[in-house]
């Protein structure tokens, strides 16, 4: 996925068109949203694991 995004960025820099810039922007927004929610889920899982560890002790 990282290579595809890097390829899109390079392609857009070398020969930008409105459509390519819009697609690249959409990809960046989607990845940002996914990363945000993945971070939240990771923190929740960590909290549950910490709580389970305290109960077992």
PDB file of N, CA and C in Angstrom:
ATOM      1  N   UNK A   1       0.822  -1.183   0.000  1.00  0.00           N
ATOM      2  CA  UNK A   1       0.000   0.000   0.000  1.00  0.00           C
ATOM      3  C   UNK A   1       0.874   1.258   0.000  1.00  0.00           C
ATOM      4  N   UNK A   2       1.944   1.235   0.779  1.00  0.00           N
ATOM      5  CA  UNK A   2       2.834   2.386   0.852  1.00  0.00           C
ATOM      6  C   UNK A   2       3.464   2.679  -0.511  1.00  0.00           C
ATOM      7  N   UNK A   3       3.847   1.616  -1.230  1.00  0.00           N
ATOM      8  CA  UNK A   3       4.462   1.816  -2.534  1.00  0.00           C
ATOM      9  C   UNK A   3       3.478   2.419  -3.530  1.00  0.00           C
ATOM     10  N   UNK A   4       2.221   1.996  -3.441  1.00  0.00           N
ATOM     11  CA  UNK A   4       1.208   2.530  -4.349  1.00  0.00           C
ATOM     12  C   UNK A   4       0.976   4.014  -4.100  1.00  0.00           C
ATOM     13  N   UNK A   5       0.945   4.392  -2.838  1.00  0.00           N
ATOM     14  CA  UNK A   5       0.741   5.799  -2.501  1.00  0.00           C
ATOM     15  C   UNK A   5       1.945   6.618  -2.950  1.00  0.00           C
ATOM     16  N   UNK A   6       3.144   6.103  -2.715  1.00  0.00           N
ATOM     17  CA  UNK A   6       4.349   6.809  -3.145  1.00  0.00           C
ATOM     18  C   UNK A   6       4.360   6.965  -4.663  1.00  0.00           C
ATOM     19  N   UNK A   7       3.941   5.928  -5.385  1.00  0.00           N
ATOM     20  CA  UNK A   7       3.889   6.005  -6.846  1.00  0.00           C
ATOM     21  C   UNK A   7       2.878   7.058  -7.291  1.00  0.00           C
ATOM     22  N   UNK A   8       1.729   7.117  -6.632  1.00  0.00           N
ATOM     23  CA  UNK A   8       0.722   8.127  -6.963  1.00  0.00           C
ATOM     24  C   UNK A   8       1.236   9.539  -6.691  1.00  0.00           C
ATOM     25  N   UNK A   9       1.938   9.710  -5.586  1.00  0.00           N
ATOM     26  CA  UNK A   9       2.483  11.026  -5.247  1.00  0.00           C
ATOM     27  C   UNK A   9       3.485  11.460  -6.310  1.00  0.00           C
ATOM     28  N   UNK A  10       4.398  10.573  -6.680  1.00  0.00           N
ATOM     29  CA  UNK A  10       5.413  10.907  -7.692  1.00  0.00           C
ATOM     30  C   UNK A  10       4.756  11.210  -9.024  1.00  0.00           C
ATOM     31  N   UNK A  11       3.787  10.396  -9.410  1.00  0.00           N
ATOM     32  CA  UNK A  11       3.084  10.610 -10.673  1.00  0.00           C
ATOM     33  C   UNK A  11       2.353  11.953 -10.672  1.00  0.00           C
ATOM     34  N   UNK A  12       1.728  12.286  -9.550  1.00  0.00           N
ATOM     35  CA  UNK A  12       0.992  13.536  -9.448  1.00  0.00           C
ATOM     36  C   UNK A  12       1.931  14.735  -9.484  1.00  0.00           C
ATOM     37  N   UNK A  13       3.105  14.593  -8.869  1.00  0.00           N
ATOM     38  CA  UNK A  13       4.073  15.693  -8.878  1.00  0.00           C
ATOM     39  C   UNK A  13       4.619  15.928 -10.286  1.00  0.00           C
ATOM     40  N   UNK A  14       4.898  14.833 -11.002  1.00  0.00           N
ATOM     41  CA  UNK A  14       5.491  14.957 -12.326  1.00  0.00           C
ATOM     42  C   UNK A  14       4.500  15.441 -13.378  1.00  0.00           C
ATOM     43  N   UNK A  15       3.272  14.960 -13.296  1.00  0.00           N
ATOM     44  CA  UNK A  15       2.267  15.319 -14.299  1.00  0.00           C
ATOM     45  C   UNK A  15       0.912  15.443 -13.606  1.00  0.00           C
ATOM     46  N   UNK A  16       0.701  16.563 -12.925  1.00  0.00           N
ATOM     47  CA  UNK A  16      -0.540  16.686 -12.163  1.00  0.00           C
ATOM     48  C   UNK A  16      -1.753  16.974 -13.048  1.00  0.00           C
ATOM     49  N   UNK A  17      -2.823  16.311 -12.736  1.00  0.00           N
ATOM     50  CA  UNK A  17      -4.116  16.625 -13.334  1.00  0.00           C
ATOM     51  C   UNK A  17      -5.106  16.731 -12.180  1.00  0.00           C
ATOM     52  N   UNK A  18      -6.208  17.394 -12.421  1.00  0.00           N
ATOM     53  CA  UNK A  18      -7.189  17.593 -11.358  1.00  0.00           C
ATOM     54  C   UNK A  18      -7.712  16.262 -10.836  1.00  0.00           C
ATOM     55  N   UNK A  19      -7.931  15.317 -11.733  1.00  0.00           N
ATOM     56  CA  UNK A  19      -8.445  14.008 -11.325  1.00  0.00           C
ATOM     57  C   UNK A  19      -7.440  13.274 -10.438  1.00  0.00           C
ATOM     58  N   UNK A  20      -6.170  13.299 -10.813  1.00  0.00           N
ATOM     59  CA  UNK A  20      -5.145  12.610 -10.028  1.00  0.00           C
ATOM     60  C   UNK A  20      -4.965  13.246  -8.657  1.00  0.00           C
ATOM     61  N   UNK A  21      -5.018  14.561  -8.598  1.00  0.00           N
ATOM     62  CA  UNK A  21      -4.895  15.255  -7.315  1.00  0.00           C
ATOM     63  C   UNK A  21      -6.083  14.914  -6.423  1.00  0.00           C
ATOM     64  N   UNK A  22      -7.284  14.837  -7.004  1.00  0.00           N
ATOM     65  CA  UNK A  22      -8.485  14.484  -6.236  1.00  0.00           C
ATOM     66  C   UNK A  22      -8.393  13.055  -5.712  1.00  0.00           C
ATOM     67  N   UNK A  23      -7.940  12.137  -6.551  1.00  0.00           N
ATOM     68  CA  UNK A  23      -7.800  10.734  -6.124  1.00  0.00           C
ATOM     69  C   UNK A  23      -6.768  10.622  -5.008  1.00  0.00           C
ATOM     70  N   UNK A  24      -5.643  11.294  -5.174  1.00  0.00           N
ATOM     71  CA  UNK A  24      -4.597  11.267  -4.155  1.00  0.00           C
ATOM     72  C   UNK A  24      -5.112  11.852  -2.837  1.00  0.00           C
ATOM     73  N   UNK A  25      -5.851  12.948  -2.926  1.00  0.00           N
ATOM     74  CA  UNK A  25      -6.440  13.545  -1.726  1.00  0.00           C
ATOM     75  C   UNK A  25      -7.406  12.601  -1.038  1.00  0.00           C
ATOM     76  N   UNK A  26      -8.226  11.905  -1.835  1.00  0.00           N
ATOM     77  CA  UNK A  26      -9.176  10.946  -1.268  1.00  0.00           C
ATOM     78  C   UNK A  26      -8.454   9.800  -0.573  1.00  0.00           C
ATOM     79  N   UNK A  27      -7.381   9.322  -1.178  1.00  0.00           N
ATOM     80  CA  UNK A  27      -6.603   8.240  -0.564  1.00  0.00           C
ATOM     81  C   UNK A  27      -6.013   8.690   0.762  1.00  0.00           C
ATOM     82  N   UNK A  28      -5.480   9.893   0.792  1.00  0.00           N
ATOM     83  CA  UNK A  28      -4.892  10.416   2.026  1.00  0.00           C
ATOM     84  C   UNK A  28      -5.955  10.547   3.112  1.00  0.00           C
ATOM     85  N   UNK A  29      -7.123  11.050   2.765  1.00  0.00           N
ATOM     86  CA  UNK A  29      -8.212  11.200   3.748  1.00  0.00           C
ATOM     87  C   UNK A  29      -8.654   9.843   4.264  1.00  0.00           C
ATOM     88  N   UNK A  30      -8.848   8.886   3.375  1.00  0.00           N
ATOM     89  CA  UNK A  30      -9.280   7.542   3.786  1.00  0.00           C
ATOM     90  C   UNK A  30      -8.248   6.903   4.709  1.00  0.00           C
ATOM     91  N   UNK A  31      -6.975   6.997   4.350  1.00  0.00           N
ATOM     92  CA  UNK A  31      -5.917   6.421   5.199  1.00  0.00           C
ATOM     93  C   UNK A  31      -5.849   7.095   6.556  1.00  0.00           C
ATOM     94  N   UNK A  32      -6.066   8.406   6.590  1.00  0.00           N
ATOM     95  CA  UNK A  32      -6.042   9.132   7.859  1.00  0.00           C
ATOM     96  C   UNK A  32      -7.180   8.667   8.759  1.00  0.00           C
ATOM     97  N   UNK A  33      -8.363   8.520   8.193  1.00  0.00           N
ATOM     98  CA  UNK A  33      -9.525   8.066   8.971  1.00  0.00           C
ATOM     99  C   UNK A  33      -9.313   6.643   9.471  1.00  0.00           C
ATOM    100  N   UNK A  34      -8.823   5.770   8.609  1.00  0.00           N
ATOM    101  CA  UNK A  34      -8.568   4.381   9.020  1.00  0.00           C
ATOM    102  C   UNK A  34      -7.524   4.334  10.129  1.00  0.00           C
ATOM    103  N   UNK A  35      -6.460   5.097  10.003  1.00  0.00           N
ATOM    104  CA  UNK A  35      -5.418   5.121  11.031  1.00  0.00           C
ATOM    105  C   UNK A  35      -5.966   5.635  12.357  1.00  0.00           C
ATOM    106  N   UNK A  36      -6.805   6.649  12.301  1.00  0.00           N
ATOM    107  CA  UNK A  36      -7.403   7.216  13.516  1.00  0.00           C
ATOM    108  C   UNK A  36      -8.219   6.156  14.257  1.00  0.00           C
ATOM    109  N   UNK A  37      -9.120   5.491  13.536  1.00  0.00           N
ATOM    110  CA  UNK A  37      -9.966   4.499  14.187  1.00  0.00           C
ATOM    111  C   UNK A  37      -9.185   3.255  14.605  1.00  0.00           C
ATOM    112  N   UNK A  38      -8.157   2.899  13.860  1.00  0.00           N
ATOM    113  CA  UNK A  38      -7.304   1.780  14.252  1.00  0.00           C
ATOM    114  C   UNK A  38      -6.571   2.104  15.543  1.00  0.00           C
ATOM    115  N   UNK A  39      -6.142   3.335  15.691  1.00  0.00           N
ATOM    116  CA  UNK A  39      -5.495   3.779  16.927  1.00  0.00           C
ATOM    117  C   UNK A  39      -6.446   3.660  18.114  1.00  0.00           C
ATOM    118  N   UNK A  40      -7.678   4.088  17.926  1.00  0.00           N
ATOM    119  CA  UNK A  40      -8.673   3.997  18.996  1.00  0.00           C
ATOM    120  C   UNK A  40      -8.896   2.547  19.395  1.00  0.00           C
ATOM    121  N   UNK A  41      -9.064   1.669  18.413  1.00  0.00           N
ATOM    122  CA  UNK A  41      -9.283   0.252  18.702  1.00  0.00           C
ATOM    123  C   UNK A  41      -8.079  -0.373  19.406  1.00  0.00           C
ATOM    124  N   UNK A  42      -6.887   0.007  19.004  1.00  0.00           N
ATOM    125  CA  UNK A  42      -5.678  -0.516  19.632  1.00  0.00           C
ATOM    126  C   UNK A  42      -5.615  -0.103  21.101  1.00  0.00           C
ATOM    127  N   UNK A  43      -5.950   1.151  21.378  1.00  0.00           N
ATOM    128  CA  UNK A  43      -5.951   1.624  22.763  1.00  0.00           C
ATOM    129  C   UNK A  43      -6.999   0.891  23.597  1.00  0.00           C
ATOM    130  N   UNK A  44      -8.173   0.638  23.029  1.00  0.00           N
ATOM    131  CA  UNK A  44      -9.222  -0.101  23.743  1.00  0.00           C
ATOM    132  C   UNK A  44      -8.770  -1.518  24.063  1.00  0.00           C
ATOM    133  N   UNK A  45      -8.144  -2.168  23.083  1.00  0.00           N
ATOM    134  CA  UNK A  45      -7.651  -3.531  23.308  1.00  0.00           C
ATOM    135  C   UNK A  45      -6.589  -3.553  24.403  1.00  0.00           C
ATOM    136  N   UNK A  46      -5.716  -2.565  24.397  1.00  0.00           N
ATOM    137  CA  UNK A  46      -4.677  -2.485  25.418  1.00  0.00           C
ATOM    138  C   UNK A  46      -5.296  -2.303  26.799  1.00  0.00           C
ATOM    139  N   UNK A  47      -6.325  -1.459  26.904  1.00  0.00           N
ATOM    140  CA  UNK A  47      -7.004  -1.261  28.188  1.00  0.00           C
ATOM    141  C   UNK A  47      -7.640  -2.554  28.670  1.00  0.00           C
ATOM    142  N   UNK A  48      -8.287  -3.286  27.756  1.00  0.00           N
ATOM    143  CA  UNK A  48      -8.917  -4.552  28.148  1.00  0.00           C
ATOM    144  C   UNK A  48      -7.877  -5.575  28.590  1.00  0.00           C
ATOM    145  N   UNK A  49      -6.746  -5.607  27.903  1.00  0.00           N
ATOM    146  CA  UNK A  49      -5.693  -6.537  28.291  1.00  0.00           C
ATOM    147  C   UNK A  49      -5.132  -6.176  29.663  1.00  0.00           C
ATOM    148  N   UNK A  50      -4.964  -4.891  29.927  1.00  0.00           N
ATOM    149  CA  UNK A  50      -4.482  -4.445  31.234  1.00  0.00           C
ATOM    150  C   UNK A  50      -5.469  -4.815  32.333  1.00  0.00           C
ATOM    151  N   UNK A  51      -6.767  -4.628  32.051  1.00  0.00           N
ATOM    152  CA  UNK A  51      -7.796  -4.961  33.043  1.00  0.00           C
ATOM    153  C   UNK A  51      -7.819  -6.465  33.303  1.00  0.00           C
ATOM    154  N   UNK A  52      -7.689  -7.268  32.250  1.00  0.00           N
ATOM    155  CA  UNK A  52      -7.679  -8.730  32.403  1.00  0.00           C
ATOM    156  C   UNK A  52      -6.451  -9.182  33.204  1.00  0.00           C
ATOM    157  N   UNK A  53      -5.318  -8.523  32.990  1.00  0.00           N
ATOM    158  CA  UNK A  53      -4.104  -8.879  33.726  1.00  0.00           C
ATOM    159  C   UNK A  53      -4.265  -8.566  35.209  1.00  0.00           C
ATOM    160  N   UNK A  54      -4.928  -7.461  35.527  1.00  0.00           N
ATOM    161  CA  UNK A  54      -5.135  -7.090  36.940  1.00  0.00           C
ATOM    162  C   UNK A  54      -6.083  -8.079  37.617  1.00  0.00           C
ATOM    163  N   UNK A  55      -7.087  -8.552  36.890  1.00  0.00           N
ATOM    164  CA  UNK A  55      -8.059  -9.485  37.478  1.00  0.00           C
ATOM    165  C   UNK A  55      -7.395 -10.815  37.773  1.00  0.00           C
ATOM    166  N   UNK A  56      -6.484 -11.281  36.908  1.00  0.00           N
ATOM    167  CA  UNK A  56      -5.829 -12.587  37.071  1.00  0.00           C
ATOM    168  C   UNK A  56      -4.843 -12.586  38.225  1.00  0.00           C
ATOM    169  N   UNK A  57      -4.365 -11.417  38.606  1.00  0.00           N
ATOM    170  CA  UNK A  57      -3.348 -11.349  39.680  1.00  0.00           C
ATOM    171  C   UNK A  57      -3.971 -11.530  40.991  1.00  0.00           C
TER     172      UNK A  57
END
